[in-house]
Amino acid sequence: MLDEVDVVTHIELITDAIKSLEQKLGLFARSLEERIDSTIQRLEMRMRAYNQVLDTLLDRSKPRSNCMFWTDEDNRDATGSYHRYADAIARAMQANVMGQCTRCLNARDAADSGVRCIMCR
């Protein structure tokens, strides 16, 4: 009879220890999940920032025309002596057709972005 009581006492102690261990493991698992989630969020933010920087670099490194009025076909002229818009009136007309400011030759999206050149203010 005493052996059974002694075994029950040991089993209760072991059961209590296992429950305590389960609680501690649960807390550890939640803490680890929170750390992993925060690390993933930081990495995702960095990836978005890197993608934006790379997109900007790719956009800035695109080949550009020697003259903003030249098309890609016109830009293939090796001499660089393209004179389709030789006078100021022809250039102003082409800028107007292309939807650009005739003073700074930037796109006319000042209403959208709120940015205007010094000459156009």
PDB file of N, CA and C in Angstrom:
ATOM      1  N   MET A   1       0.807  -1.182   0.000  1.00  0.00           N
ATOM      2  CA  MET A   1       0.000   0.000   0.000  1.00  0.00           C
ATOM      3  C   MET A   1       0.859   1.258   0.000  1.00  0.00           C
ATOM      4  N   LEU A   2       1.891   1.232   0.806  1.00  0.00           N
ATOM      5  CA  LEU A   2       2.776   2.393   0.850  1.00  0.00           C
ATOM      6  C   LEU A   2       3.519   2.562  -0.461  1.00  0.00           C
ATOM      7  N   ASP A   3       3.815   1.464  -1.103  1.00  0.00           N
ATOM      8  CA  ASP A   3       4.501   1.553  -2.392  1.00  0.00           C
ATOM      9  C   ASP A   3       3.633   2.264  -3.425  1.00  0.00           C
ATOM     10  N   GLU A   4       2.321   1.974  -3.379  1.00  0.00           N
ATOM     11  CA  GLU A   4       1.413   2.624  -4.324  1.00  0.00           C
ATOM     12  C   GLU A   4       1.327   4.119  -4.057  1.00  0.00           C
ATOM     13  N   VAL A   5       1.275   4.528  -2.793  1.00  0.00           N
ATOM     14  CA  VAL A   5       1.216   5.950  -2.425  1.00  0.00           C
ATOM     15  C   VAL A   5       2.511   6.630  -2.837  1.00  0.00           C
ATOM     16  N   ASP A   6       3.619   5.959  -2.635  1.00  0.00           N
ATOM     17  CA  ASP A   6       4.922   6.513  -3.001  1.00  0.00           C
ATOM     18  C   ASP A   6       5.024   6.696  -4.516  1.00  0.00           C
ATOM     19  N   VAL A   7       4.522   5.728  -5.283  1.00  0.00           N
ATOM     20  CA  VAL A   7       4.539   5.821  -6.745  1.00  0.00           C
ATOM     21  C   VAL A   7       3.627   6.958  -7.204  1.00  0.00           C
ATOM     22  N   VAL A   8       2.444   7.077  -6.603  1.00  0.00           N
ATOM     23  CA  VAL A   8       1.506   8.147  -6.971  1.00  0.00           C
ATOM     24  C   VAL A   8       2.139   9.507  -6.691  1.00  0.00           C
ATOM     25  N   THR A   9       2.831   9.649  -5.598  1.00  0.00           N
ATOM     26  CA  THR A   9       3.497  10.909  -5.263  1.00  0.00           C
ATOM     27  C   THR A   9       4.556  11.236  -6.298  1.00  0.00           C
ATOM     28  N   HIS A  10       5.332  10.251  -6.704  1.00  0.00           N
ATOM     29  CA  HIS A  10       6.358  10.473  -7.728  1.00  0.00           C
ATOM     30  C   HIS A  10       5.726  10.820  -9.080  1.00  0.00           C
ATOM     31  N   ILE A  11       4.635  10.140  -9.397  1.00  0.00           N
ATOM     32  CA  ILE A  11       3.960  10.408 -10.678  1.00  0.00           C
ATOM     33  C   ILE A  11       3.408  11.831 -10.688  1.00  0.00           C
ATOM     34  N   GLU A  12       2.840  12.277  -9.554  1.00  0.00           N
ATOM     35  CA  GLU A  12       2.322  13.646  -9.478  1.00  0.00           C
ATOM     36  C   GLU A  12       3.450  14.662  -9.652  1.00  0.00           C
ATOM     37  N   LEU A  13       4.583  14.412  -9.044  1.00  0.00           N
ATOM     38  CA  LEU A  13       5.731  15.319  -9.190  1.00  0.00           C
ATOM     39  C   LEU A  13       6.207  15.362 -10.638  1.00  0.00           C
ATOM     40  N   ILE A  14       6.277  14.197 -11.257  1.00  0.00           N
ATOM     41  CA  ILE A  14       6.708  14.133 -12.658  1.00  0.00           C
ATOM     42  C   ILE A  14       5.680  14.830 -13.551  1.00  0.00           C
ATOM     43  N   THR A  15       4.392  14.620 -13.287  1.00  0.00           N
ATOM     44  CA  THR A  15       3.334  15.264 -14.072  1.00  0.00           C
ATOM     45  C   THR A  15       3.403  16.784 -13.923  1.00  0.00           C
ATOM     46  N   ASP A  16       3.606  17.263 -12.698  1.00  0.00           N
ATOM     47  CA  ASP A  16       3.733  18.710 -12.476  1.00  0.00           C
ATOM     48  C   ASP A  16       4.958  19.272 -13.198  1.00  0.00           C
ATOM     49  N   ALA A  17       6.050  18.535 -13.166  1.00  0.00           N
ATOM     50  CA  ALA A  17       7.265  18.986 -13.858  1.00  0.00           C
ATOM     51  C   ALA A  17       7.041  19.035 -15.368  1.00  0.00           C
ATOM     52  N   ILE A  18       6.335  18.047 -15.897  1.00  0.00           N
ATOM     53  CA  ILE A  18       6.051  18.022 -17.340  1.00  0.00           C
ATOM     54  C   ILE A  18       5.147  19.195 -17.711  1.00  0.00           C
ATOM     55  N   LYS A  19       4.121  19.491 -16.890  1.00  0.00           N
ATOM     56  CA  LYS A  19       3.235  20.627 -17.163  1.00  0.00           C
ATOM     57  C   LYS A  19       4.017  21.943 -17.139  1.00  0.00           C
ATOM     58  N   SER A  20       4.888  22.077 -16.153  1.00  0.00           N
ATOM     59  CA  SER A  20       5.711  23.290 -16.069  1.00  0.00           C
ATOM     60  C   SER A  20       6.617  23.413 -17.291  1.00  0.00           C
ATOM     61  N   LEU A  21       7.191  22.296 -17.690  1.00  0.00           N
ATOM     62  CA  LEU A  21       8.056  22.293 -18.873  1.00  0.00           C
ATOM     63  C   LEU A  21       7.265  22.640 -20.129  1.00  0.00           C
ATOM     64  N   GLU A  22       6.041  22.137 -20.242  1.00  0.00           N
ATOM     65  CA  GLU A  22       5.190  22.459 -21.393  1.00  0.00           C
ATOM     66  C   GLU A  22       4.879  23.952 -21.435  1.00  0.00           C
ATOM     67  N   GLN A  23       4.593  24.547 -20.276  1.00  0.00           N
ATOM     68  CA  GLN A  23       4.316  25.983 -20.227  1.00  0.00           C
ATOM     69  C   GLN A  23       5.539  26.794 -20.658  1.00  0.00           C
ATOM     70  N   LYS A  24       6.697  26.401 -20.141  1.00  0.00           N
ATOM     71  CA  LYS A  24       7.923  27.125 -20.498  1.00  0.00           C
ATOM     72  C   LYS A  24       8.244  26.974 -21.984  1.00  0.00           C
ATOM     73  N   LEU A  25       8.031  25.777 -22.513  1.00  0.00           N
ATOM     74  CA  LEU A  25       8.263  25.567 -23.943  1.00  0.00           C
ATOM     75  C   LEU A  25       7.272  26.373 -24.785  1.00  0.00           C
ATOM     76  N   GLY A  26       6.028  26.481 -24.318  1.00  0.00           N
ATOM     77  CA  GLY A  26       5.031  27.292 -25.015  1.00  0.00           C
ATOM     78  C   GLY A  26       5.431  28.759 -25.049  1.00  0.00           C
ATOM     79  N   LEU A  27       5.893  29.282 -23.913  1.00  0.00           N
ATOM     80  CA  LEU A  27       6.364  30.669 -23.863  1.00  0.00           C
ATOM     81  C   LEU A  27       7.567  30.872 -24.779  1.00  0.00           C
ATOM     82  N   PHE A  28       8.476  29.924 -24.757  1.00  0.00           N
ATOM     83  CA  PHE A  28       9.659  30.018 -25.619  1.00  0.00           C
ATOM     84  C   PHE A  28       9.264  29.993 -27.094  1.00  0.00           C
ATOM     85  N   ALA A  29       8.320  29.118 -27.439  1.00  0.00           N
ATOM     86  CA  ALA A  29       7.880  29.016 -28.835  1.00  0.00           C
ATOM     87  C   ALA A  29       7.214  30.313 -29.287  1.00  0.00           C
ATOM     88  N   ARG A  30       6.376  30.919 -28.431  1.00  0.00           N
ATOM     89  CA  ARG A  30       5.736  32.192 -28.791  1.00  0.00           C
ATOM     90  C   ARG A  30       6.768  33.300 -28.948  1.00  0.00           C
ATOM     91  N   SER A  31       7.727  33.341 -28.041  1.00  0.00           N
ATOM     92  CA  SER A  31       8.787  34.347 -28.134  1.00  0.00           C
ATOM     93  C   SER A  31       9.589  34.175 -29.420  1.00  0.00           C
ATOM     94  N   LEU A  32       9.900  32.931 -29.739  1.00  0.00           N
ATOM     95  CA  LEU A  32      10.654  32.648 -30.963  1.00  0.00           C
ATOM     96  C   LEU A  32       9.846  33.025 -32.203  1.00  0.00           C
ATOM     97  N   GLU A  33       8.555  32.738 -32.201  1.00  0.00           N
ATOM     98  CA  GLU A  33       7.696  33.109 -33.336  1.00  0.00           C
ATOM     99  C   GLU A  33       7.646  34.619 -33.517  1.00  0.00           C
ATOM    100  N   GLU A  34       7.551  35.363 -32.409  1.00  0.00           N
ATOM    101  CA  GLU A  34       7.527  36.828 -32.493  1.00  0.00           C
ATOM    102  C   GLU A  34       8.833  37.356 -33.078  1.00  0.00           C
ATOM    103  N   ARG A  35       9.943  36.800 -32.636  1.00  0.00           N
ATOM    104  CA  ARG A  35      11.239  37.232 -33.174  1.00  0.00           C
ATOM    105  C   ARG A  35      11.356  36.908 -34.657  1.00  0.00           C
ATOM    106  N   ILE A  36      10.906  35.736 -35.034  1.00  0.00           N
ATOM    107  CA  ILE A  36      10.963  35.345 -36.452  1.00  0.00           C
ATOM    108  C   ILE A  36      10.078  36.268 -37.281  1.00  0.00           C
ATOM    109  N   ASP A  37       8.869  36.570 -36.783  1.00  0.00           N
ATOM    110  CA  ASP A  37       7.965  37.463 -37.513  1.00  0.00           C
ATOM    111  C   ASP A  37       8.566  38.857 -37.670  1.00  0.00           C
ATOM    112  N   SER A  38       9.163  39.384 -36.599  1.00  0.00           N
ATOM    113  CA  SER A  38       9.760  40.721 -36.701  1.00  0.00           C
ATOM    114  C   SER A  38      10.959  40.715 -37.647  1.00  0.00           C
ATOM    115  N   THR A  39      11.725  39.635 -37.644  1.00  0.00           N
ATOM    116  CA  THR A  39      12.859  39.533 -38.567  1.00  0.00           C
ATOM    117  C   THR A  39      12.377  39.459 -40.008  1.00  0.00           C
ATOM    118  N   ILE A  40      11.320  38.712 -40.240  1.00  0.00           N
ATOM    119  CA  ILE A  40      10.756  38.613 -41.590  1.00  0.00           C
ATOM    120  C   ILE A  40      10.255  39.977 -42.051  1.00  0.00           C
ATOM    121  N   GLN A  41       9.591  40.718 -41.171  1.00  0.00           N
ATOM    122  CA  GLN A  41       9.106  42.049 -41.537  1.00  0.00           C
ATOM    123  C   GLN A  41      10.264  42.979 -41.885  1.00  0.00           C
ATOM    124  N   ARG A  42      11.333  42.941 -41.082  1.00  0.00           N
ATOM    125  CA  ARG A  42      12.504  43.784 -41.374  1.00  0.00           C
ATOM    126  C   ARG A  42      13.114  43.412 -42.707  1.00  0.00           C
ATOM    127  N   LEU A  43      13.232  42.111 -42.965  1.00  0.00           N
ATOM    128  CA  LEU A  43      13.813  41.668 -44.230  1.00  0.00           C
ATOM    129  C   LEU A  43      12.937  42.058 -45.416  1.00  0.00           C
ATOM    130  N   GLU A  44      11.618  41.969 -45.254  1.00  0.00           N
ATOM    131  CA  GLU A  44      10.720  42.375 -46.338  1.00  0.00           C
ATOM    132  C   GLU A  44      10.844  43.869 -46.614  1.00  0.00           C
ATOM    133  N   MET A  45      10.966  44.678 -45.559  1.00  0.00           N
ATOM    134  CA  MET A  45      11.144  46.116 -45.749  1.00  0.00           C
ATOM    135  C   MET A  45      12.449  46.402 -46.474  1.00  0.00           C
ATOM    136  N   ARG A  46      13.506  45.706 -46.097  1.00  0.00           N
ATOM    137  CA  ARG A  46      14.794  45.898 -46.774  1.00  0.00           C
ATOM    138  C   ARG A  46      14.717  45.473 -48.233  1.00  0.00           C
ATOM    139  N   MET A  47      14.031  44.368 -48.492  1.00  0.00           N
ATOM    140  CA  MET A  47      13.893  43.907 -49.875  1.00  0.00           C
ATOM    141  C   MET A  47      13.142  44.935 -50.719  1.00  0.00           C
ATOM    142  N   ARG A  48      12.070  45.512 -50.153  1.00  0.00           N
ATOM    143  CA  ARG A  48      11.337  46.543 -50.893  1.00  0.00           C
ATOM    144  C   ARG A  48      12.230  47.751 -51.157  1.00  0.00           C
ATOM    145  N   ALA A  49      13.011  48.155 -50.154  1.00  0.00           N
ATOM    146  CA  ALA A  49      13.912  49.298 -50.335  1.00  0.00           C
ATOM    147  C   ALA A  49      14.961  48.985 -51.395  1.00  0.00           C
ATOM    148  N   TYR A  50      15.530  47.786 -51.350  1.00  0.00           N
ATOM    149  CA  TYR A  50      16.526  47.403 -52.357  1.00  0.00           C
ATOM    150  C   TYR A  50      15.908  47.359 -53.748  1.00  0.00           C
ATOM    151  N   ASN A  51      14.684  46.851 -53.848  1.00  0.00           N
ATOM    152  CA  ASN A  51      14.016  46.810 -55.154  1.00  0.00           C
ATOM    153  C   ASN A  51      13.779  48.210 -55.698  1.00  0.00           C
ATOM    154  N   GLN A  52      13.395  49.145 -54.830  1.00  0.00           N
ATOM    155  CA  GLN A  52      13.198  50.522 -55.275  1.00  0.00           C
ATOM    156  C   GLN A  52      14.508  51.128 -55.757  1.00  0.00           C
ATOM    157  N   VAL A  53      15.578  50.881 -55.020  1.00  0.00           N
ATOM    158  CA  VAL A  53      16.883  51.418 -55.415  1.00  0.00           C
ATOM    159  C   VAL A  53      17.328  50.805 -56.735  1.00  0.00           C
ATOM    160  N   LEU A  54      17.150  49.511 -56.877  1.00  0.00           N
ATOM    161  CA  LEU A  54      17.543  48.858 -58.129  1.00  0.00           C
ATOM    162  C   LEU A  54      16.698  49.341 -59.302  1.00  0.00           C
ATOM    163  N   ASP A  55      15.404  49.543 -59.076  1.00  0.00           N
ATOM    164  CA  ASP A  55      14.558  50.081 -60.142  1.00  0.00           C
ATOM    165  C   ASP A  55      15.022  51.471 -60.553  1.00  0.00           C
ATOM    166  N   THR A  56      15.391  52.288 -59.564  1.00  0.00           N
ATOM    167  CA  THR A  56      15.896  53.627 -59.866  1.00  0.00           C
ATOM    168  C   THR A  56      17.192  53.547 -60.653  1.00  0.00           C
ATOM    169  N   LEU A  57      18.095  52.665 -60.239  1.00  0.00           N
ATOM    170  CA  LEU A  57      19.359  52.513 -60.963  1.00  0.00           C
ATOM    171  C   LEU A  57      19.136  52.039 -62.386  1.00  0.00           C
ATOM    172  N   LEU A  58      18.239  51.082 -62.558  1.00  0.00           N
ATOM    173  CA  LEU A  58      17.947  50.599 -63.908  1.00  0.00           C
ATOM    174  C   LEU A  58      17.324  51.691 -64.761  1.00  0.00           C
ATOM    175  N   ASP A  59      16.454  52.483 -64.158  1.00  0.00           N
ATOM    176  CA  ASP A  59      15.822  53.564 -64.908  1.00  0.00           C
ATOM    177  C   ASP A  59      16.849  54.622 -65.306  1.00  0.00           C
ATOM    178  N   ARG A  60      17.761  54.935 -64.403  1.00  0.00           N
ATOM    179  CA  ARG A  60      18.769  55.957 -64.699  1.00  0.00           C
ATOM    180  C   ARG A  60      19.829  55.476 -65.677  1.00  0.00           C
ATOM    181  N   SER A  61      20.015  54.186 -65.769  1.00  0.00           N
ATOM    182  CA  SER A  61      21.065  53.669 -66.648  1.00  0.00           C
ATOM    183  C   SER A  61      20.555  53.307 -68.041  1.00  0.00           C
ATOM    184  N   LYS A  62      19.291  53.613 -68.324  1.00  0.00           N
ATOM    185  CA  LYS A  62      18.767  53.352 -69.666  1.00  0.00           C
ATOM    186  C   LYS A  62      19.492  54.241 -70.668  1.00  0.00           C
ATOM    187  N   PRO A  63      19.661  53.765 -71.877  1.00  0.00           N
ATOM    188  CA  PRO A  63      20.302  54.612 -72.885  1.00  0.00           C
ATOM    189  C   PRO A  63      19.431  55.832 -73.179  1.00  0.00           C
ATOM    190  N   ARG A  64      20.101  56.956 -73.303  1.00  0.00           N
ATOM    191  CA  ARG A  64      19.394  58.193 -73.555  1.00  0.00           C
ATOM    192  C   ARG A  64      19.779  58.748 -74.921  1.00  0.00           C
ATOM    193  N   SER A  65      18.866  59.491 -75.460  1.00  0.00           N
ATOM    194  CA  SER A  65      19.095  60.121 -76.748  1.00  0.00           C
ATOM    195  C   SER A  65      19.937  61.380 -76.556  1.00  0.00           C
ATOM    196  N   ASN A  66      20.698  61.742 -77.568  1.00  0.00           N
ATOM    197  CA  ASN A  66      21.481  62.971 -77.497  1.00  0.00           C
ATOM    198  C   ASN A  66      20.588  64.199 -77.497  1.00  0.00           C
ATOM    199  N   CYS A  67      19.457  64.094 -78.101  1.00  0.00           N
ATOM    200  CA  CYS A  67      18.509  65.202 -78.171  1.00  0.00           C
ATOM    201  C   CYS A  67      17.151  64.674 -77.747  1.00  0.00           C
ATOM    202  N   MET A  68      16.460  65.429 -76.928  1.00  0.00           N
ATOM    203  CA  MET A  68      15.175  64.938 -76.429  1.00  0.00           C
ATOM    204  C   MET A  68      14.131  64.822 -77.526  1.00  0.00           C
ATOM    205  N   PHE A  69      14.327  65.495 -78.650  1.00  0.00           N
ATOM    206  CA  PHE A  69      13.375  65.428 -79.744  1.00  0.00           C
ATOM    207  C   PHE A  69      13.649  64.254 -80.672  1.00  0.00           C
ATOM    208  N   TRP A  70      14.779  63.621 -80.525  1.00  0.00           N
ATOM    209  CA  TRP A  70      15.130  62.518 -81.415  1.00  0.00           C
ATOM    210  C   TRP A  70      14.400  61.252 -81.002  1.00  0.00           C
ATOM    211  N   THR A  71      13.986  60.503 -81.955  1.00  0.00           N
ATOM    212  CA  THR A  71      13.445  59.177 -81.681  1.00  0.00           C
ATOM    213  C   THR A  71      14.620  58.199 -81.642  1.00  0.00           C
ATOM    214  N   ASP A  72      14.360  56.975 -81.277  1.00  0.00           N
ATOM    215  CA  ASP A  72      15.440  55.981 -81.257  1.00  0.00           C
ATOM    216  C   ASP A  72      16.015  55.770 -82.649  1.00  0.00           C
ATOM    217  N   GLU A  73      15.159  55.835 -83.649  1.00  0.00           N
ATOM    218  CA  GLU A  73      15.623  55.660 -85.028  1.00  0.00           C
ATOM    219  C   GLU A  73      16.542  56.807 -85.434  1.00  0.00           C
ATOM    220  N   ASP A  74      16.171  58.034 -85.049  1.00  0.00           N
ATOM    221  CA  ASP A  74      16.997  59.192 -85.384  1.00  0.00           C
ATOM    222  C   ASP A  74      18.316  59.171 -84.627  1.00  0.00           C
ATOM    223  N   ASN A  75      18.323  58.593 -83.445  1.00  0.00           N
ATOM    224  CA  ASN A  75      19.516  58.585 -82.603  1.00  0.00           C
ATOM    225  C   ASN A  75      20.586  57.648 -83.142  1.00  0.00           C
ATOM    226  N   ARG A  76      20.260  56.818 -84.094  1.00  0.00           N
ATOM    227  CA  ARG A  76      21.235  55.878 -84.652  1.00  0.00           C
ATOM    228  C   ARG A  76      22.206  56.556 -85.607  1.00  0.00           C
ATOM    229  N   ASP A  77      21.939  57.797 -85.934  1.00  0.00           N
ATOM    230  CA  ASP A  77      22.833  58.540 -86.813  1.00  0.00           C
ATOM    231  C   ASP A  77      24.169  58.714 -86.098  1.00  0.00           C
ATOM    232  N   ALA A  78      25.224  58.171 -86.646  1.00  0.00           N
ATOM    233  CA  ALA A  78      26.532  58.171 -85.990  1.00  0.00           C
ATOM    234  C   ALA A  78      27.169  59.551 -85.955  1.00  0.00           C
ATOM    235  N   THR A  79      26.795  60.427 -86.866  1.00  0.00           N
ATOM    236  CA  THR A  79      27.445  61.740 -86.923  1.00  0.00           C
ATOM    237  C   THR A  79      26.947  62.666 -85.840  1.00  0.00           C
ATOM    238  N   GLY A  80      25.756  62.453 -85.345  1.00  0.00           N
ATOM    239  CA  GLY A  80      25.213  63.330 -84.314  1.00  0.00           C
ATOM    240  C   GLY A  80      24.790  64.673 -84.874  1.00  0.00           C
ATOM    241  N   SER A  81      24.645  64.775 -86.161  1.00  0.00           N
ATOM    242  CA  SER A  81      24.289  66.057 -86.779  1.00  0.00           C
ATOM    243  C   SER A  81      22.858  66.013 -87.288  1.00  0.00           C
ATOM    244  N   TYR A  82      21.964  65.797 -86.413  1.00  0.00           N
ATOM    245  CA  TYR A  82      20.551  65.718 -86.756  1.00  0.00           C
ATOM    246  C   TYR A  82      19.961  67.111 -86.574  1.00  0.00           C
ATOM    247  N   HIS A  83      19.396  67.675 -87.624  1.00  0.00           N
ATOM    248  CA  HIS A  83      18.941  69.065 -87.548  1.00  0.00           C
ATOM    249  C   HIS A  83      17.484  69.212 -87.959  1.00  0.00           C
ATOM    250  N   ARG A  84      16.634  68.307 -87.551  1.00  0.00           N
ATOM    251  CA  ARG A  84      15.231  68.420 -87.941  1.00  0.00           C
ATOM    252  C   ARG A  84      14.579  69.631 -87.273  1.00  0.00           C
ATOM    253  N   TYR A  85      14.940  69.916 -86.034  1.00  0.00           N
ATOM    254  CA  TYR A  85      14.369  71.053 -85.304  1.00  0.00           C
ATOM    255  C   TYR A  85      15.475  72.072 -85.069  1.00  0.00           C
ATOM    256  N   ALA A  86      15.911  72.694 -86.115  1.00  0.00           N
ATOM    257  CA  ALA A  86      17.072  73.581 -86.051  1.00  0.00           C
ATOM    258  C   ALA A  86      16.761  74.914 -85.398  1.00  0.00           C
ATOM    259  N   ASP A  87      15.556  75.459 -85.582  1.00  0.00           N
ATOM    260  CA  ASP A  87      15.281  76.777 -85.020  1.00  0.00           C
ATOM    261  C   ASP A  87      14.401  76.661 -83.776  1.00  0.00           C
ATOM    262  N   ALA A  88      14.301  77.758 -83.043  1.00  0.00           N
ATOM    263  CA  ALA A  88      13.583  77.779 -81.768  1.00  0.00           C
ATOM    264  C   ALA A  88      12.095  77.525 -81.949  1.00  0.00           C
ATOM    265  N   ILE A  89      11.525  77.998 -83.022  1.00  0.00           N
ATOM    266  CA  ILE A  89      10.091  77.811 -83.245  1.00  0.00           C
ATOM    267  C   ILE A  89       9.777  76.336 -83.467  1.00  0.00           C
ATOM    268  N   ALA A  90      10.584  75.662 -84.258  1.00  0.00           N
ATOM    269  CA  ALA A  90      10.365  74.234 -84.503  1.00  0.00           C
ATOM    270  C   ALA A  90      10.516  73.433 -83.216  1.00  0.00           C
ATOM    271  N   ARG A  91      11.491  73.793 -82.382  1.00  0.00           N
ATOM    272  CA  ARG A  91      11.683  73.091 -81.105  1.00  0.00           C
ATOM    273  C   ARG A  91      10.512  73.354 -80.156  1.00  0.00           C
ATOM    274  N   ALA A  92      10.014  74.588 -80.126  1.00  0.00           N
ATOM    275  CA  ALA A  92       8.880  74.920 -79.261  1.00  0.00           C
ATOM    276  C   ALA A  92       7.634  74.167 -79.706  1.00  0.00           C
ATOM    277  N   MET A  93       7.427  74.072 -80.991  1.00  0.00           N
ATOM    278  CA  MET A  93       6.269  73.337 -81.507  1.00  0.00           C
ATOM    279  C   MET A  93       6.370  71.851 -81.153  1.00  0.00           C
ATOM    280  N   GLN A  94       7.560  71.281 -81.311  1.00  0.00           N
ATOM    281  CA  GLN A  94       7.738  69.864 -80.990  1.00  0.00           C
ATOM    282  C   GLN A  94       7.575  69.622 -79.492  1.00  0.00           C
ATOM    283  N   ALA A  95       8.071  70.528 -78.653  1.00  0.00           N
ATOM    284  CA  ALA A  95       7.894  70.394 -77.205  1.00  0.00           C
ATOM    285  C   ALA A  95       6.417  70.436 -76.854  1.00  0.00           C
ATOM    286  N   ASN A  96       5.673  71.301 -77.515  1.00  0.00           N
ATOM    287  CA  ASN A  96       4.236  71.393 -77.273  1.00  0.00           C
ATOM    288  C   ASN A  96       3.536  70.106 -77.695  1.00  0.00           C
ATOM    289  N   VAL A  97       3.937  69.544 -78.825  1.00  0.00           N
ATOM    290  CA  VAL A  97       3.355  68.287 -79.306  1.00  0.00           C
ATOM    291  C   VAL A  97       3.670  67.151 -78.335  1.00  0.00           C
ATOM    292  N   MET A  98       4.878  67.151 -77.786  1.00  0.00           N
ATOM    293  CA  MET A  98       5.297  66.083 -76.869  1.00  0.00           C
ATOM    294  C   MET A  98       4.751  66.289 -75.458  1.00  0.00           C
ATOM    295  N   GLY A  99       4.038  67.401 -75.224  1.00  0.00           N
ATOM    296  CA  GLY A  99       3.458  67.648 -73.903  1.00  0.00           C
ATOM    297  C   GLY A  99       4.488  68.074 -72.890  1.00  0.00           C
ATOM    298  N   GLN A 100       5.454  68.883 -73.315  1.00  0.00           N
ATOM    299  CA  GLN A 100       6.509  69.312 -72.412  1.00  0.00           C
ATOM    300  C   GLN A 100       6.481  70.822 -72.269  1.00  0.00           C
ATOM    301  N   CYS A 101       7.009  71.275 -71.167  1.00  0.00           N
ATOM    302  CA  CYS A 101       7.116  72.704 -70.917  1.00  0.00           C
ATOM    303  C   CYS A 101       8.075  73.298 -71.942  1.00  0.00           C
ATOM    304  N   THR A 102       7.708  74.419 -72.525  1.00  0.00           N
ATOM    305  CA  THR A 102       8.564  75.019 -73.557  1.00  0.00           C
ATOM    306  C   THR A 102       9.759  75.743 -72.959  1.00  0.00           C
ATOM    307  N   ARG A 103       9.771  75.946 -71.648  1.00  0.00           N
ATOM    308  CA  ARG A 103      10.911  76.616 -71.015  1.00  0.00           C
ATOM    309  C   ARG A 103      11.940  75.620 -70.487  1.00  0.00           C
ATOM    310  N   CYS A 104      11.458  74.612 -69.741  1.00  0.00           N
ATOM    311  CA  CYS A 104      12.401  73.684 -69.104  1.00  0.00           C
ATOM    312  C   CYS A 104      12.440  72.322 -69.782  1.00  0.00           C
ATOM    313  N   LEU A 105      11.516  72.063 -70.698  1.00  0.00           N
ATOM    314  CA  LEU A 105      11.421  70.806 -71.445  1.00  0.00           C
ATOM    315  C   LEU A 105      11.136  69.595 -70.562  1.00  0.00           C
ATOM    316  N   ASN A 106      10.604  69.833 -69.373  1.00  0.00           N
ATOM    317  CA  ASN A 106      10.158  68.728 -68.524  1.00  0.00           C
ATOM    318  C   ASN A 106       8.714  68.410 -68.855  1.00  0.00           C
ATOM    319  N   ALA A 107       8.313  67.216 -68.530  1.00  0.00           N
ATOM    320  CA  ALA A 107       6.934  66.810 -68.801  1.00  0.00           C
ATOM    321  C   ALA A 107       5.972  67.688 -68.015  1.00  0.00           C
ATOM    322  N   ARG A 108       4.823  67.945 -68.586  1.00  0.00           N
ATOM    323  CA  ARG A 108       3.833  68.806 -67.935  1.00  0.00           C
ATOM    324  C   ARG A 108       2.976  67.986 -66.986  1.00  0.00           C
ATOM    325  N   ASP A 109       3.550  67.532 -65.908  1.00  0.00           N
ATOM    326  CA  ASP A 109       2.773  66.818 -64.899  1.00  0.00           C
ATOM    327  C   ASP A 109       2.841  67.561 -63.582  1.00  0.00           C
ATOM    328  N   ALA A 110       3.080  68.860 -63.656  1.00  0.00           N
ATOM    329  CA  ALA A 110       3.209  69.658 -62.441  1.00  0.00           C
ATOM    330  C   ALA A 110       1.930  69.626 -61.618  1.00  0.00           C
ATOM    331  N   ALA A 111       0.782  69.500 -62.260  1.00  0.00           N
ATOM    332  CA  ALA A 111      -0.474  69.433 -61.514  1.00  0.00           C
ATOM    333  C   ALA A 111      -0.555  68.139 -60.713  1.00  0.00           C
ATOM    334  N   ASP A 112       0.031  67.074 -61.240  1.00  0.00           N
ATOM    335  CA  ASP A 112      -0.015  65.790 -60.545  1.00  0.00           C
ATOM    336  C   ASP A 112       0.994  65.730 -59.410  1.00  0.00           C
ATOM    337  N   SER A 113       2.235  66.100 -59.697  1.00  0.00           N
ATOM    338  CA  SER A 113       3.289  65.928 -58.704  1.00  0.00           C
ATOM    339  C   SER A 113       3.497  67.154 -57.836  1.00  0.00           C
ATOM    340  N   GLY A 114       3.045  68.314 -58.283  1.00  0.00           N
ATOM    341  CA  GLY A 114       3.250  69.524 -57.511  1.00  0.00           C
ATOM    342  C   GLY A 114       4.637  70.101 -57.674  1.00  0.00           C
ATOM    343  N   VAL A 115       5.478  69.501 -58.490  1.00  0.00           N
ATOM    344  CA  VAL A 115       6.842  69.972 -58.695  1.00  0.00           C
ATOM    345  C   VAL A 115       6.879  70.777 -59.982  1.00  0.00           C
ATOM    346  N   ARG A 116       7.456  71.957 -59.898  1.00  0.00           N
ATOM    347  CA  ARG A 116       7.572  72.804 -61.078  1.00  0.00           C
ATOM    348  C   ARG A 116       9.000  73.315 -61.146  1.00  0.00           C
ATOM    349  N   CYS A 117       9.431  73.591 -62.346  1.00  0.00           N
ATOM    350  CA  CYS A 117      10.788  74.103 -62.503  1.00  0.00           C
ATOM    351  C   CYS A 117      10.835  75.565 -62.064  1.00  0.00           C
ATOM    352  N   ILE A 118      12.033  76.079 -61.854  1.00  0.00           N
ATOM    353  CA  ILE A 118      12.211  77.455 -61.402  1.00  0.00           C
ATOM    354  C   ILE A 118      11.672  78.429 -62.443  1.00  0.00           C
ATOM    355  N   MET A 119      11.873  78.125 -63.704  1.00  0.00           N
ATOM    356  CA  MET A 119      11.430  79.021 -64.766  1.00  0.00           C
ATOM    357  C   MET A 119       9.911  79.027 -64.906  1.00  0.00           C
ATOM    358  N   CYS A 120       9.266  77.943 -64.562  1.00  0.00           N
ATOM    359  CA  CYS A 120       7.819  77.824 -64.766  1.00  0.00           C
ATOM    360  C   CYS A 120       7.005  78.301 -63.574  1.00  0.00           C
ATOM    361  N   ARG A 121       7.610  78.636 -62.489  1.00  0.00           N
ATOM    362  CA  ARG A 121       6.852  79.015 -61.289  1.00  0.00           C
ATOM    363  C   ARG A 121       6.122  80.262 -61.485  1.00  0.00           C
TER     364      ARG A 121
END
